[in-house]
Structure formats: C-alpha cells, structure tokens
Amino acid sequence: MGIFINVKARRMFKLPDNLPRMILTRCVLFAFTPFLPCLVILKVTRARIEKEKTLNNWRTSSTESPTAVSTTVFTQENGIRNSLHTYASMRLIESVIESLPQLVLLLAYLTVSLRDNQALSISGNLETSGVIFFTLNILFSFL
C-alpha cells in the first residue's frame, strides 16, 4: 500500500516543489502508511466543512455571483470525490494484502494434511466430509 500512496501522493496531499523536501515528505508518508486512511478521511471531512462554509457564506451575504460559488463548490466536490476514491482504493489494497498470506497458509496446511494425514490432519478419517468442509472454509475466509 505504501507504493500506491507514493504514486498517488501528489493527488492526495500537497507536496513541496523542492526535490529534497518532496522526497522527505514521501518517506514520511511511507512511514505513516497505517495512519493514512485516517488522514484521508480527515481531509474529506475538512473539505466538506469548507464546502458548507462556502454555501453558508453565500446564503448570508450573497455578494458573490452564483456562478463563482457554484464553481467553488464543484471544485470542492471533485476533491472530496477523488479523496474518497483514493480511500476506497487504499482499503481494497489493504484487504487484498491482508488476505493473501492467510490464503497461502491455509493452502499450505491443506497440502500438508493431504500428503501426510498424521502430521496435521484435518480429521482422523479423510474419507469424511472434513476435506470438503475445510476447503469451503478456505474459500470463505479468503472472501
């Protein structure tokens, strides 16, 4: 997920134009990978609050043109939409990364128990539905 964040960092956060600062910022973002979904949600919340403030300011003192306010709100909504899309992608990547080792371990356990049923047997008698039950559990745990 850290690689995804480093690739999409410019879309998610304001990065400095100075190269050493940008590299340092990317390293810090990589180090704080577990906390970035929270930061993205906070960014979306802040953008929604700014959007509501913009609309409330226009309602109370309508000195700006409706087109300018509409453009500002549209830009804020696009930022919210992009941040939520990034959050969904991060959660999807995180779930796949978490479930893959589990699947490998369960398949290794199944292979060992089928080859040498005394080592890590699923059940005492492999003729029963234990193997089918175990295989279905592997599939459901991966989903």
Protein backbone atom coordinates (compact mmCIF):
# COMPACT_ATOMS: atom_id res chain seq x y z
CA MET A 1 0.00 0.00 0.00
CA GLY A 2 2.98 2.29 0.56
CA ILE A 3 3.84 2.14 -3.14
CA PHE A 4 0.26 3.11 -4.03
CA ILE A 5 0.48 6.06 -1.66
CA ASN A 6 3.79 7.21 -3.11
CA VAL A 7 2.37 7.01 -6.63
CA LYS A 8 -0.82 8.88 -5.73
CA ALA A 9 0.75 11.24 -3.16
CA ARG A 10 0.52 14.31 -5.38
CA ARG A 11 -3.23 13.80 -5.79
CA MET A 12 -3.85 13.17 -2.10
CA PHE A 13 -1.64 15.77 -0.42
CA LYS A 14 0.13 18.99 -1.25
CA LEU A 15 3.75 18.09 -1.84
CA PRO A 16 6.53 20.68 -1.86
CA ASP A 17 8.12 21.55 -5.18
CA ASN A 18 11.61 21.38 -3.70
CA LEU A 19 13.03 17.92 -4.52
CA PRO A 20 14.65 17.12 -1.13
CA ARG A 21 11.52 18.19 0.73
CA MET A 22 9.33 16.18 -1.61
CA ILE A 23 11.46 13.06 -1.06
CA LEU A 24 11.35 13.62 2.71
CA THR A 25 7.58 14.06 2.59
CA ARG A 26 7.16 10.85 0.60
CA CYS A 27 9.35 8.97 3.10
CA VAL A 28 7.26 10.29 6.00
CA LEU A 29 4.07 9.29 4.18
CA PHE A 30 5.51 5.83 3.60
CA ALA A 31 6.40 5.53 7.29
CA PHE A 32 2.90 6.57 8.34
CA THR A 33 1.15 4.21 5.91
CA PRO A 34 -1.11 2.66 8.58
CA PHE A 35 -2.44 6.10 9.54
CA LEU A 36 -3.04 7.45 6.03
CA PRO A 37 -6.64 6.21 5.70
CA CYS A 38 -7.45 8.30 8.78
CA LEU A 39 -5.70 11.31 7.25
CA VAL A 40 -7.66 10.91 4.02
CA ILE A 41 -10.95 10.75 5.95
CA LEU A 42 -9.95 13.87 7.89
CA LYS A 43 -9.13 15.59 4.60
CA VAL A 44 -12.58 14.70 3.23
CA THR A 45 -14.26 15.94 6.41
CA ARG A 46 -12.36 19.22 6.24
CA ALA A 47 -13.30 19.66 2.57
CA ARG A 48 -16.97 19.04 3.37
CA ILE A 49 -16.86 21.61 6.16
CA GLU A 50 -15.26 24.14 3.79
CA LYS A 51 -17.95 23.44 1.22
CA GLU A 52 -20.70 24.05 3.79
CA LYS A 53 -18.98 27.26 4.92
CA THR A 54 -18.84 28.46 1.33
CA LEU A 55 -22.55 27.79 0.85
CA ASN A 56 -23.49 29.37 4.20
CA ASN A 57 -21.41 32.48 3.48
CA TRP A 58 -23.11 32.85 0.11
CA ARG A 59 -26.58 32.40 1.66
CA THR A 60 -26.00 35.01 4.36
CA SER A 61 -24.24 37.61 2.23
CA SER A 62 -24.76 36.96 -1.43
CA THR A 63 -22.13 39.37 -2.72
CA GLU A 64 -20.53 36.74 -4.95
CA SER A 65 -22.12 35.62 -8.13
CA PRO A 66 -23.89 32.24 -8.10
CA THR A 67 -21.56 31.04 -10.86
CA ALA A 68 -18.44 31.70 -8.78
CA VAL A 69 -19.93 29.92 -5.77
CA SER A 70 -21.07 27.04 -7.97
CA THR A 71 -17.58 26.70 -9.44
CA THR A 72 -16.02 26.72 -5.97
CA VAL A 73 -18.45 24.10 -4.67
CA PHE A 74 -17.94 21.96 -7.77
CA THR A 75 -14.15 22.07 -7.27
CA GLN A 76 -14.55 21.12 -3.62
CA GLU A 77 -16.88 18.25 -4.51
CA ASN A 78 -14.35 16.95 -7.05
CA GLY A 79 -11.67 17.00 -4.36
CA ILE A 80 -13.97 15.09 -2.00
CA ARG A 81 -14.81 12.56 -4.69
CA ASN A 82 -11.13 11.99 -5.54
CA SER A 83 -10.20 11.60 -1.88
CA LEU A 84 -12.99 9.08 -1.30
CA HIS A 85 -11.90 7.15 -4.40
CA THR A 86 -8.35 7.09 -3.07
CA TYR A 87 -9.61 5.90 0.32
CA ALA A 88 -11.61 3.10 -1.29
CA SER A 89 -8.58 2.03 -3.33
CA MET A 90 -6.40 2.02 -0.22
CA ARG A 91 -8.91 -0.12 1.67
CA LEU A 92 -9.14 -2.56 -1.25
CA ILE A 93 -5.36 -2.88 -1.48
CA GLU A 94 -5.14 -3.35 2.28
CA SER A 95 -7.75 -6.11 2.30
CA VAL A 96 -6.06 -7.99 -0.53
CA ILE A 97 -2.66 -7.70 1.11
CA GLU A 98 -4.06 -8.97 4.42
CA SER A 99 -5.93 -11.92 2.95
CA LEU A 100 -3.20 -13.22 0.64
CA PRO A 101 -0.88 -14.56 3.39
CA GLN A 102 -3.86 -16.15 5.09
CA LEU A 103 -4.77 -17.96 1.89
CA VAL A 104 -1.18 -19.17 1.37
CA LEU A 105 -1.01 -20.51 4.93
CA LEU A 106 -4.35 -22.27 4.65
CA LEU A 107 -3.42 -23.85 1.32
CA ALA A 108 -0.08 -24.99 2.77
CA TYR A 109 -1.93 -26.52 5.71
CA LEU A 110 -4.32 -28.28 3.35
CA THR A 111 -1.45 -29.62 1.21
CA VAL A 112 0.49 -30.93 4.20
CA SER A 113 -2.60 -32.52 5.72
CA LEU A 114 -3.48 -34.25 2.45
CA ARG A 115 0.06 -35.59 1.86
CA ASP A 116 0.74 -36.75 5.40
CA ASN A 117 -2.53 -37.10 7.21
CA GLN A 118 -0.80 -37.86 10.52
CA ALA A 119 1.21 -34.62 10.57
CA LEU A 120 -1.57 -32.02 10.54
CA SER A 121 -4.69 -33.95 9.84
CA ILE A 122 -7.96 -32.21 9.22
CA SER A 123 -9.79 -35.14 10.67
CA GLY A 124 -8.91 -38.66 11.68
CA ASN A 125 -10.64 -40.10 8.66
CA LEU A 126 -10.07 -38.30 5.36
CA GLU A 127 -12.93 -40.18 3.77
CA THR A 128 -15.42 -37.98 5.61
CA SER A 129 -16.52 -34.53 4.57
CA GLY A 130 -13.73 -32.88 6.61
CA VAL A 131 -11.69 -32.10 3.49
CA ILE A 132 -14.69 -30.56 1.73
CA PHE A 133 -15.59 -28.57 4.84
CA PHE A 134 -12.01 -27.36 5.22
CA THR A 135 -11.78 -26.37 1.55
CA LEU A 136 -15.01 -24.40 1.79
CA ASN A 137 -13.70 -22.65 4.91
CA ILE A 138 -10.58 -21.63 2.99
CA LEU A 139 -12.69 -20.10 0.26
CA PHE A 140 -14.98 -18.27 2.67
CA SER A 141 -12.06 -16.94 4.73
CA PHE A 142 -10.49 -15.51 1.59
CA LEU A 143 -13.70 -13.77 0.52
